[in-house]
Amino acid sequence: MNWTLPAGVTVGEERHFGGRVVRSFAQRPATVYESFQRACQARPHAEALVCGETRLTFAQLAERAAGMAAALAARGVRRGERVALRLANRVEFATTLLGILYLGAIAVPIGMRLAPPEVDYIVGDCGARLLVDGALPAGGGDVPIAPVAEDDPAIILYTSGTTGRPKGAMLTHFNIVHSLLHFQHCLQLGPADRTMLAVPASHVTGVVALLLTAWNAQGAVVVLPEFKARDYLELAARERITYTILVPAMYQLCLLDPQFDRYDLSAWRVGGYGGAPMPAATIAELARKCPGLGLMNAYGATETTSPATIMPAAFTAAHADSVGLTVPCGDIVAVDAHGREVATGEAGELWIAGPMVVPGYWAKPEATAEAFKNGYWRSGDVGSKDAEGFVRVFDRVKDMINRGGYKVFSVEVENVLSHHPAVLESATIGRPCPVLGERVHAFVSLRADASAQELRVFCAERLADYKVPETFTLMTEPLPRNANGKLLKRTLREKI
């Protein structure tokens, strides 16, 4: 099974990044800024950005982008230079990003929750000409839009650094444009759509999957400065939001709000999610409360410029254990430890190829050579692809638990625990054992009282005996996550 593209959308093979052959959309903007320009030309007076009391049309946003480009140029920024921006979800993030792209420079978004030494590292590693962490006065005079090549970097995003120093993935114009088109075609986004930016704009999901995708579809972006369930519900209802992407925990927090039913969310038709499995109970409750909402799982990474797979909404309930189908121009294979493709349905490391896969890491040739092989990015995730094309992700290669020679994928255990009514979320790790190597340990965030024995029995009724957690850490606070919402299993391992 494959994604069906709209009539008239054609795909062909092209060479990029020094000879890599990739399937590519024939009809596409040449650059990210050209994508925005097309929206400005087609709908100059349509709403493009809403943040608090500020409402900007595409023409007004373009004017602010040009002013920001002039201000950056006055500070010496030129084509190809890096500009770091440490800005929260607000108007200035959008205008500064567009101003950087206008000049043909490279934007380097930095998360607001990073500590000063982490910020210093990123600024130094990319050799940023400038760090924008506040309002920059608009410049005067006309500055021409700089010409850039498709394969030039547009944005450098630093990986979350859950292990070691973060690396700067180089998202080229070619990469980003293809991700925008994958979202547009698969989610059927258009000018009538209103997108909620409720995750950090500095993350690949925020900047590519939401902000730039919305403008490519010629629709509006409504900015939520910081996610809180009640604020999200109020804004989504008031602004008639049609599309957003949230992590599963955000959906759960919204459903837990006692006022959920009073908000009119009938306009909400596309709910993307990723980063963690969506509990079947959450899928069912959303289907009951929001019958017009299509839930679509998406799997990807910074290195894949966001989506490598997207789940058609019609299959979400029946394939809750899958992250969807490979995007139209992409390719995913599961391989063994020697890089050989495994049989259909068998587990292996997922390797991902396509026009959305970045050419490498900024100034890190050794890391690039290790992570990218024969046009594929080695994801480090264990997964499979079945005969119908549905992709499943079981675990990180390094997170897979080896209990006396038996492999335990943490997602299996976590999926079972998600069905217990007292469980809000869980994370499974390997607890060191001198006899078996590792034993299964579960961290569980509870929404109601439950004992470890109760949870153990619940799992034993649904899992093979070697997969059942032998020990638990029960907690009422949320599980630790980084600024991008990614679960920090490293932090959990330090607690046992």
Protein backbone atom coordinates (compact mmCIF):
# COMPACT_ATOMS: atom_id res chain seq x y z
CA MET A 1 0.00 0.00 0.00
CA ASN A 2 1.30 3.44 -0.92
CA TRP A 3 0.19 7.03 -0.58
CA THR A 4 -1.92 8.23 -3.51
CA LEU A 5 -0.83 11.63 -4.78
CA PRO A 6 -3.30 14.21 -6.09
CA ALA A 7 -3.94 14.29 -9.83
CA GLY A 8 -1.26 16.18 -11.69
CA VAL A 9 1.45 15.70 -9.05
CA THR A 10 4.34 13.83 -10.64
CA VAL A 11 7.50 12.30 -9.23
CA GLY A 12 10.80 11.63 -10.99
CA GLU A 13 14.37 10.70 -10.14
CA GLU A 14 17.06 13.37 -9.75
CA ARG A 15 20.65 13.57 -8.55
CA HIS A 16 21.43 15.69 -5.50
CA PHE A 17 24.09 16.05 -2.80
CA GLY A 18 27.02 14.90 -4.88
CA GLY A 19 25.32 12.12 -6.81
CA ARG A 20 22.61 10.71 -4.53
CA VAL A 21 19.66 9.60 -6.70
CA VAL A 22 16.33 10.45 -5.06
CA ARG A 23 12.68 10.48 -6.03
CA SER A 24 11.57 14.10 -6.21
CA PHE A 25 8.44 16.12 -6.84
CA ALA A 26 8.60 17.58 -10.34
CA GLN A 27 6.50 20.64 -9.44
CA ARG A 28 8.01 22.44 -6.45
CA PRO A 29 9.34 25.77 -5.23
CA ALA A 30 13.09 26.06 -5.67
CA THR A 31 13.67 27.44 -2.17
CA VAL A 32 11.91 27.78 1.16
CA TYR A 33 11.52 31.53 0.74
CA GLU A 34 10.04 31.02 -2.73
CA SER A 35 7.41 28.79 -1.10
CA PHE A 36 6.48 31.70 1.18
CA GLN A 37 6.56 34.16 -1.73
CA ARG A 38 4.07 32.07 -3.66
CA ALA A 39 1.61 32.34 -0.77
CA CYS A 40 2.18 36.10 -0.58
CA GLN A 41 1.48 36.50 -4.29
CA ALA A 42 -1.58 34.25 -4.25
CA ARG A 43 -3.20 35.53 -1.04
CA PRO A 44 -1.62 38.86 -0.02
CA HIS A 45 -4.56 39.94 2.13
CA ALA A 46 -5.23 36.57 3.77
CA GLU A 47 -4.27 35.97 7.38
CA ALA A 48 -0.80 34.43 7.69
CA LEU A 49 0.17 34.72 11.37
CA VAL A 50 -1.79 35.16 14.60
CA CYS A 51 -0.03 35.58 17.94
CA GLY A 52 -1.84 37.16 20.88
CA GLU A 53 -3.30 40.46 19.71
CA THR A 54 -1.15 40.53 16.56
CA ARG A 55 -2.70 39.48 13.26
CA LEU A 56 -0.64 39.73 10.09
CA THR A 57 -1.63 39.14 6.48
CA PHE A 58 0.85 37.56 4.09
CA ALA A 59 1.63 41.02 2.67
CA GLN A 60 2.26 42.43 6.15
CA LEU A 61 4.39 39.45 7.14
CA ALA A 62 6.42 39.79 3.93
CA GLU A 63 6.99 43.47 4.71
CA ARG A 64 8.26 42.60 8.18
CA ALA A 65 10.49 39.87 6.73
CA ALA A 66 12.06 42.37 4.33
CA GLY A 67 12.63 44.80 7.20
CA MET A 68 14.29 42.05 9.23
CA ALA A 69 16.47 41.12 6.26
CA ALA A 70 17.61 44.75 6.02
CA ALA A 71 18.38 44.81 9.74
CA LEU A 72 20.43 41.60 9.49
CA ALA A 73 22.23 42.84 6.38
CA ALA A 74 23.15 46.05 8.24
CA ARG A 75 24.82 43.82 10.84
CA GLY A 76 26.93 42.12 8.20
CA VAL A 77 24.89 39.01 7.52
CA ARG A 78 25.40 37.66 4.01
CA ARG A 79 24.38 34.64 1.97
CA GLY A 80 25.59 31.35 3.49
CA GLU A 81 26.37 32.81 6.92
CA ARG A 82 24.75 31.31 10.00
CA VAL A 83 22.39 33.30 12.20
CA ALA A 84 21.39 31.73 15.50
CA LEU A 85 17.97 32.63 16.85
CA ARG A 86 16.96 31.91 20.41
CA LEU A 87 13.39 33.11 20.38
CA ALA A 88 10.23 31.69 21.91
CA ASN A 89 6.99 31.01 20.05
CA ARG A 90 6.16 34.56 19.08
CA VAL A 91 5.98 36.86 16.07
CA GLU A 92 9.71 37.65 16.16
CA PHE A 93 10.62 34.01 15.57
CA ALA A 94 8.68 34.00 12.31
CA THR A 95 9.93 37.37 11.05
CA THR A 96 13.55 36.64 11.96
CA LEU A 97 13.44 33.21 10.30
CA LEU A 98 12.00 34.70 7.12
CA GLY A 99 14.51 37.55 7.18
CA ILE A 100 17.38 35.07 7.37
CA LEU A 101 16.02 33.01 4.46
CA TYR A 102 15.41 36.23 2.48
CA LEU A 103 19.15 36.92 2.64
CA GLY A 104 20.12 33.38 1.66
CA ALA A 105 21.69 32.95 5.09
CA ILE A 106 21.26 29.87 7.28
CA ALA A 107 18.96 29.92 10.30
CA VAL A 108 20.07 28.07 13.43
CA PRO A 109 17.11 27.87 15.86
CA ILE A 110 18.05 27.22 19.49
CA GLY A 111 15.65 25.93 22.14
CA MET A 112 14.66 28.31 24.91
CA ARG A 113 15.25 25.72 27.62
CA LEU A 114 18.91 25.13 26.77
CA ALA A 115 21.43 26.22 29.39
CA PRO A 116 23.99 28.98 28.55
CA PRO A 117 26.86 26.49 27.99
CA GLU A 118 24.68 24.56 25.53
CA VAL A 119 23.81 27.76 23.67
CA ASP A 120 27.46 28.79 23.57
CA TYR A 121 28.40 25.40 22.12
CA ILE A 122 25.89 25.64 19.28
CA VAL A 123 26.78 29.24 18.43
CA GLY A 124 30.46 28.34 18.37
CA ASP A 125 30.06 25.05 16.53
CA CYS A 126 28.13 26.56 13.62
CA GLY A 127 30.24 29.72 13.54
CA ALA A 128 27.21 31.98 13.82
CA ARG A 129 27.67 35.53 12.59
CA LEU A 130 24.99 36.71 14.98
CA LEU A 131 22.80 35.47 17.84
CA VAL A 132 19.31 36.99 17.86
CA ASP A 133 17.73 36.54 21.31
CA GLY A 134 15.58 39.65 21.44
CA ALA A 135 13.65 42.09 19.31
CA LEU A 136 15.84 43.35 16.46
CA PRO A 137 14.82 46.78 15.11
CA ALA A 138 13.79 46.63 11.46
CA GLY A 139 16.31 47.99 9.02
CA GLY A 140 15.79 50.57 6.30
CA GLY A 141 16.45 50.46 2.59
CA ASP A 142 15.77 47.81 -0.01
CA VAL A 143 17.73 44.57 0.18
CA PRO A 144 17.45 42.14 -2.74
CA ILE A 145 16.28 38.59 -2.14
CA ALA A 146 19.43 36.49 -2.39
CA PRO A 147 19.59 33.66 -4.93
CA VAL A 148 20.43 30.27 -3.42
CA ALA A 149 20.78 26.75 -4.77
CA GLU A 150 18.34 23.99 -3.85
CA ASP A 151 21.07 21.95 -2.18
CA ASP A 152 22.28 24.84 -0.03
CA PRO A 153 21.48 24.59 3.68
CA ALA A 154 18.50 26.68 4.79
CA ILE A 155 18.33 25.69 8.44
CA ILE A 156 20.73 23.92 10.80
CA LEU A 157 18.97 22.10 13.63
CA TYR A 158 21.01 20.60 16.42
CA THR A 159 19.98 17.12 17.45
CA SER A 160 18.73 16.80 20.99
CA GLY A 161 22.02 15.43 22.31
CA THR A 162 20.57 12.66 24.48
CA THR A 163 24.04 11.15 24.21
CA GLY A 164 27.21 13.15 23.63
CA ARG A 165 27.47 16.58 22.04
CA PRO A 166 24.61 17.64 19.74
CA LYS A 167 25.28 17.67 16.01
CA GLY A 168 23.94 20.22 13.53
CA ALA A 169 21.81 18.54 10.87
CA MET A 170 21.91 20.58 7.66
CA LEU A 171 18.36 20.95 6.33
CA THR A 172 18.68 22.12 2.73
CA HIS A 173 16.06 24.01 0.76
CA PHE A 174 15.51 20.80 -1.25
CA ASN A 175 14.97 18.79 1.96
CA ILE A 176 12.52 21.25 3.49
CA VAL A 177 10.50 21.84 0.32
CA HIS A 178 9.92 18.10 -0.02
CA SER A 179 8.79 17.79 3.58
CA LEU A 180 6.36 20.68 3.06
CA LEU A 181 4.95 18.95 -0.02
CA HIS A 182 4.74 15.59 1.75
CA PHE A 183 2.62 17.16 4.47
CA GLN A 184 0.54 19.16 2.01
CA HIS A 185 -0.29 16.20 -0.24
CA CYS A 186 -0.71 13.52 2.45
CA LEU A 187 -2.72 15.68 4.85
CA GLN A 188 -4.57 17.50 2.04
CA LEU A 189 -3.72 20.92 3.45
CA GLY A 190 -4.85 24.06 1.68
CA PRO A 191 -5.58 27.80 2.04
CA ALA A 192 -8.59 27.18 4.28
CA ASP A 193 -6.51 25.42 6.93
CA ARG A 194 -5.58 27.12 10.17
CA THR A 195 -2.55 25.58 11.90
CA MET A 196 -1.79 25.70 15.61
CA LEU A 197 1.88 26.04 16.55
CA ALA A 198 1.82 24.62 20.08
CA VAL A 199 5.22 22.88 20.17
CA PRO A 200 8.55 24.76 20.22
CA ALA A 201 9.19 26.60 16.95
CA SER A 202 12.89 25.78 17.39
CA HIS A 203 12.19 22.06 16.84
CA VAL A 204 11.87 20.40 13.42
CA THR A 205 8.17 19.73 14.05
CA GLY A 206 7.49 23.36 14.92
CA VAL A 207 9.46 25.06 12.19
CA VAL A 208 8.98 22.61 9.31
CA ALA A 209 5.88 20.50 9.96
CA LEU A 210 3.77 23.39 11.24
CA LEU A 211 5.06 26.91 10.51
CA LEU A 212 6.54 26.49 7.03
CA THR A 213 4.07 23.77 6.02
CA ALA A 214 1.12 26.05 6.78
CA TRP A 215 2.51 28.86 4.66
CA ASN A 216 3.38 26.49 1.83
CA ALA A 217 -0.30 25.48 1.83
CA GLN A 218 -1.16 29.22 1.87
CA GLY A 219 -2.96 28.90 5.20
CA ALA A 220 -2.65 30.69 8.55
CA VAL A 221 -0.52 29.88 11.61
CA VAL A 222 -1.88 30.55 15.09
CA VAL A 223 0.89 30.65 17.70
CA LEU A 224 0.50 29.32 21.24
CA PRO A 225 3.47 30.70 23.22
CA GLU A 226 3.54 27.80 25.68
CA PHE A 227 1.47 24.63 25.79
CA LYS A 228 -1.08 24.34 28.55
CA ALA A 229 -4.10 22.16 27.92
CA ARG A 230 -6.71 24.78 28.84
CA ASP A 231 -4.97 27.50 26.78
CA TYR A 232 -4.74 25.13 23.82
CA LEU A 233 -8.42 24.22 23.97
CA GLU A 234 -9.55 27.83 24.29
CA LEU A 235 -7.38 29.04 21.41
CA ALA A 236 -8.20 26.06 19.15
CA ALA A 237 -11.92 26.68 19.61
CA ARG A 238 -11.73 30.46 19.19
CA GLU A 239 -9.50 30.39 16.09
CA ARG A 240 -11.23 27.41 14.46
CA ILE A 241 -8.00 25.42 14.22
CA THR A 242 -8.02 22.67 11.59
CA TYR A 243 -4.51 21.19 11.85
CA THR A 244 -1.80 20.69 14.41
CA ILE A 245 0.78 18.20 15.64
CA LEU A 246 1.09 17.32 19.32
CA VAL A 247 2.90 14.62 21.26
CA PRO A 248 0.53 11.96 22.69
CA ALA A 249 0.92 13.29 26.23
CA MET A 250 -0.53 16.65 25.09
CA TYR A 251 -3.65 14.95 23.74
CA GLN A 252 -4.00 13.10 27.04
CA LEU A 253 -3.67 16.33 29.02
CA CYS A 254 -6.38 17.94 26.89
CA LEU A 255 -8.72 15.01 27.48
CA LEU A 256 -8.07 15.19 31.21
CA ASP A 257 -9.28 18.80 31.32
CA PRO A 258 -12.70 18.72 33.00
CA GLN A 259 -13.91 21.49 30.66
CA PHE A 260 -12.97 19.63 27.45
CA ASP A 261 -16.56 19.07 26.33
CA ARG A 262 -17.50 22.75 26.47
CA TYR A 263 -15.09 23.73 23.69
CA ASP A 264 -16.22 23.62 20.06
CA LEU A 265 -13.43 21.77 18.27
CA SER A 266 -15.53 20.79 15.27
CA ALA A 267 -13.17 22.56 12.83
CA TRP A 268 -10.22 20.37 13.94
CA ARG A 269 -9.83 17.78 11.17
CA VAL A 270 -6.14 16.77 11.22
CA GLY A 271 -4.35 15.81 14.44
CA GLY A 272 -0.79 14.71 13.85
CA TYR A 273 1.25 13.03 16.55
CA GLY A 274 4.62 11.39 17.01
CA GLY A 275 7.53 10.96 19.37
CA ALA A 276 5.76 8.20 21.32
CA PRO A 277 2.99 5.65 20.76
CA MET A 278 -0.56 6.93 21.15
CA PRO A 279 -2.42 4.75 23.66
CA ALA A 280 -5.36 2.95 22.06
CA ALA A 281 -7.58 4.29 24.84
CA THR A 282 -6.65 7.87 23.88
CA ILE A 283 -7.37 7.20 20.20
CA ALA A 284 -10.78 5.79 21.11
CA GLU A 285 -11.67 8.69 23.41
CA LEU A 286 -10.65 11.29 20.81
CA ALA A 287 -12.74 9.48 18.19
CA ARG A 288 -15.74 9.70 20.54
CA LYS A 289 -15.27 13.33 21.58
CA CYS A 290 -14.00 14.70 18.25
CA PRO A 291 -15.60 12.57 15.50
CA GLY A 292 -14.39 14.90 12.76
CA LEU A 293 -10.74 14.64 13.82
CA GLY A 294 -8.46 12.38 11.80
CA LEU A 295 -5.47 11.21 13.84
CA MET A 296 -2.32 10.70 11.80
CA ASN A 297 0.84 9.24 13.31
CA ALA A 298 4.08 10.55 11.82
CA TYR A 299 7.59 9.20 12.29
CA GLY A 300 10.77 11.02 11.49
CA ALA A 301 13.69 12.91 12.93
CA THR A 302 15.71 16.06 12.51
CA GLU A 303 17.85 14.14 10.01
CA THR A 304 14.76 13.38 7.89
CA THR A 305 13.47 16.98 8.03
CA SER A 306 10.43 15.69 9.96
CA PRO A 307 8.28 13.03 8.27
CA ALA A 308 9.60 9.73 6.97
CA THR A 309 6.20 8.07 7.45
CA ILE A 310 2.66 9.37 7.84
CA MET A 311 -0.35 7.28 8.83
CA PRO A 312 -3.53 7.77 6.79
CA ALA A 313 -6.21 8.72 9.32
CA ALA A 314 -8.52 5.94 8.13
CA PHE A 315 -6.03 3.31 9.29
CA THR A 316 -5.03 4.79 12.66
CA ALA A 317 -7.42 2.76 14.82
CA ALA A 318 -6.76 -0.53 13.05
CA HIS A 319 -2.98 -0.03 12.97
CA ALA A 320 -2.35 1.67 16.31
CA ASP A 321 1.01 -0.11 16.59
CA SER A 322 2.26 1.36 13.30
CA VAL A 323 3.75 4.76 12.49
CA GLY A 324 2.22 4.71 9.03
CA LEU A 325 3.28 4.41 5.42
CA THR A 326 6.52 5.71 3.94
CA VAL A 327 6.09 9.22 2.49
CA PRO A 328 5.63 9.27 -1.31
CA CYS A 329 9.21 10.18 -2.25
CA GLY A 330 10.87 8.24 0.58
CA ASP A 331 12.19 4.75 1.09
CA ILE A 332 12.57 2.75 4.31
CA VAL A 333 14.26 -0.62 4.74
CA ALA A 334 14.94 -2.74 7.82
CA VAL A 335 18.47 -4.18 7.88
CA ASP A 336 20.49 -6.56 10.04
CA ALA A 337 23.75 -5.81 11.84
CA HIS A 338 25.64 -6.20 8.56
CA GLY A 339 23.47 -3.76 6.62
CA ARG A 340 21.56 -6.48 4.75
CA GLU A 341 17.83 -6.04 4.26
CA VAL A 342 15.81 -8.46 6.39
CA ALA A 343 12.69 -10.32 5.28
CA THR A 344 9.34 -8.53 5.16
CA GLY A 345 7.90 -8.20 8.65
CA GLU A 346 11.15 -9.02 10.44
CA ALA A 347 12.78 -6.60 12.86
CA GLY A 348 15.93 -4.72 11.93
CA GLU A 349 17.45 -1.25 12.09
CA LEU A 350 15.43 1.18 10.00
CA TRP A 351 17.41 2.93 7.27
CA ILE A 352 15.70 5.90 5.59
CA ALA A 353 16.32 7.48 2.18
CA GLY A 354 14.65 10.18 0.12
CA PRO A 355 14.77 13.88 -0.77
CA MET A 356 13.95 14.83 2.84
CA VAL A 357 17.07 13.11 4.26
CA VAL A 358 19.74 15.69 5.05
CA PRO A 359 23.18 15.46 3.40
CA GLY A 360 24.96 15.36 6.77
CA TYR A 361 26.04 17.23 9.89
CA TRP A 362 27.63 20.67 9.93
CA ALA A 363 31.44 20.39 10.06
CA LYS A 364 31.24 16.76 11.27
CA PRO A 365 32.52 14.59 8.38
CA GLU A 366 33.24 11.57 10.59
CA ALA A 367 29.79 11.64 12.19
CA THR A 368 28.25 12.09 8.74
CA ALA A 369 30.14 9.10 7.35
CA GLU A 370 29.02 6.95 10.26
CA ALA A 371 25.34 7.91 10.13
CA PHE A 372 24.75 8.02 6.36
CA LYS A 373 25.38 4.95 4.18
CA ASN A 374 24.66 4.58 0.45
CA GLY A 375 22.12 7.40 0.50
CA TYR A 376 20.37 6.10 3.61
CA TRP A 377 20.32 7.57 7.11
CA ARG A 378 20.83 4.96 9.81
CA SER A 379 18.04 5.82 12.26
CA GLY A 380 19.22 3.73 15.21
CA ASP A 381 15.62 2.54 15.61
CA VAL A 382 14.60 -1.11 15.57
CA GLY A 383 11.50 -1.64 13.47
CA SER A 384 9.87 -3.51 10.62
CA LYS A 385 7.81 -3.03 7.46
CA ASP A 386 5.01 -5.45 6.70
CA ALA A 387 3.71 -6.68 3.34
CA GLU A 388 1.19 -3.82 3.17
CA GLY A 389 3.91 -1.21 3.71
CA PHE A 390 3.03 -0.27 7.30
CA VAL A 391 6.13 0.63 9.30
CA ARG A 392 6.50 -0.25 12.98
CA VAL A 393 9.07 1.14 15.40
CA PHE A 394 9.85 -1.07 18.37
CA ASP A 395 12.75 0.58 20.14
CA ARG A 396 16.06 2.34 19.86
CA VAL A 397 18.84 -0.13 19.07
CA LYS A 398 20.60 0.97 22.23
CA ASP A 399 17.40 0.83 24.31
CA MET A 400 16.38 -2.71 23.42
CA ILE A 401 16.43 -4.85 26.58
CA ASN A 402 18.34 -8.13 26.48
CA ARG A 403 17.01 -10.36 29.24
CA GLY A 404 19.10 -13.49 29.23
CA GLY A 405 19.18 -13.58 25.43
CA TYR A 406 15.51 -12.70 24.99
CA LYS A 407 14.88 -9.37 23.26
CA VAL A 408 12.33 -7.09 24.88
CA PHE A 409 11.15 -4.03 22.97
CA SER A 410 10.13 -1.40 25.47
CA VAL A 411 7.25 -0.16 23.29
CA GLU A 412 5.51 -3.53 23.68
CA VAL A 413 5.48 -3.21 27.46
CA GLU A 414 4.57 0.48 27.35
CA ASN A 415 1.64 -0.20 25.01
CA VAL A 416 0.23 -2.77 27.42
CA LEU A 417 0.65 -0.47 30.42
CA SER A 418 -1.12 2.34 28.53
CA HIS A 419 -4.35 0.31 28.68
CA HIS A 420 -4.40 0.27 32.48
CA PRO A 421 -6.84 2.94 33.65
CA ALA A 422 -4.47 4.21 36.37
CA VAL A 423 -1.52 4.76 34.00
CA LEU A 424 -0.88 8.17 32.44
CA GLU A 425 2.39 7.23 30.74
CA SER A 426 5.25 4.79 31.18
CA ALA A 427 8.82 4.08 30.13
CA THR A 428 10.56 0.71 30.20
CA ILE A 429 14.32 0.27 30.56
CA GLY A 430 16.79 -2.50 31.25
CA ARG A 431 17.92 -2.82 34.87
CA PRO A 432 21.46 -4.25 35.10
CA CYS A 433 21.57 -7.84 36.37
CA PRO A 434 24.74 -9.92 36.97
CA VAL A 435 22.93 -13.12 35.98
CA LEU A 436 20.66 -12.23 33.06
CA GLY A 437 22.44 -9.08 31.91
CA GLU A 438 19.27 -7.01 32.17
CA ARG A 439 15.85 -7.26 33.77
CA VAL A 440 12.76 -5.28 32.79
CA HIS A 441 12.04 -2.21 34.90
CA ALA A 442 9.11 0.16 34.32
CA PHE A 443 8.77 3.80 35.32
CA VAL A 444 5.07 4.60 35.53
CA SER A 445 3.43 8.00 35.91
CA LEU A 446 0.04 7.40 37.52
CA ARG A 447 -3.23 9.27 37.19
CA ALA A 448 -4.88 7.15 39.92
CA ASP A 449 -3.79 4.79 42.70
CA ALA A 450 -2.29 1.47 41.63
CA SER A 451 0.27 -0.89 43.13
CA ALA A 452 3.28 -2.44 41.47
CA GLN A 453 1.76 -5.88 41.99
CA GLU A 454 -1.46 -4.82 40.28
CA LEU A 455 0.46 -3.55 37.28
CA ARG A 456 2.64 -6.65 37.20
CA VAL A 457 -0.41 -8.93 37.11
CA PHE A 458 -1.99 -6.74 34.41
CA CYS A 459 1.12 -7.14 32.23
CA ALA A 460 1.44 -10.88 32.95
CA GLU A 461 -2.03 -11.45 31.52
CA ARG A 462 -1.01 -9.80 28.24
CA LEU A 463 2.73 -10.39 27.73
CA ALA A 464 5.22 -13.24 27.61
CA ASP A 465 6.68 -13.86 31.06
CA TYR A 466 10.15 -12.54 30.15
CA LYS A 467 8.63 -9.22 29.03
CA VAL A 468 6.75 -8.54 32.28
CA PRO A 469 8.44 -5.81 34.40
CA GLU A 470 9.91 -7.32 37.54
CA THR A 471 10.32 -3.98 39.26
CA PHE A 472 8.52 -0.65 39.06
CA THR A 473 9.08 2.96 39.97
CA LEU A 474 5.68 4.54 40.54
CA MET A 475 5.41 8.32 40.36
CA THR A 476 2.80 11.05 40.16
CA GLU A 477 4.96 13.57 38.30
CA PRO A 478 5.43 13.40 34.48
CA LEU A 479 8.28 11.42 32.99
CA PRO A 480 11.39 13.51 32.18
CA ARG A 481 11.57 14.92 28.66
CA ASN A 482 13.87 17.30 26.84
CA ALA A 483 12.78 20.62 25.32
CA ASN A 484 11.48 18.83 22.22
CA GLY A 485 9.28 16.45 24.19
CA LYS A 486 11.56 13.45 23.72
CA LEU A 487 11.60 11.03 26.62
CA LEU A 488 14.94 11.02 28.46
CA LYS A 489 15.58 7.37 29.26
CA ARG A 490 19.15 8.25 30.15
CA THR A 491 17.81 10.30 33.07
CA LEU A 492 15.63 7.38 34.16
CA ARG A 493 18.56 4.97 34.08
CA GLU A 494 20.41 7.21 36.50
CA LYS A 495 17.58 6.74 39.02
CA ILE A 496 18.05 3.00 39.44
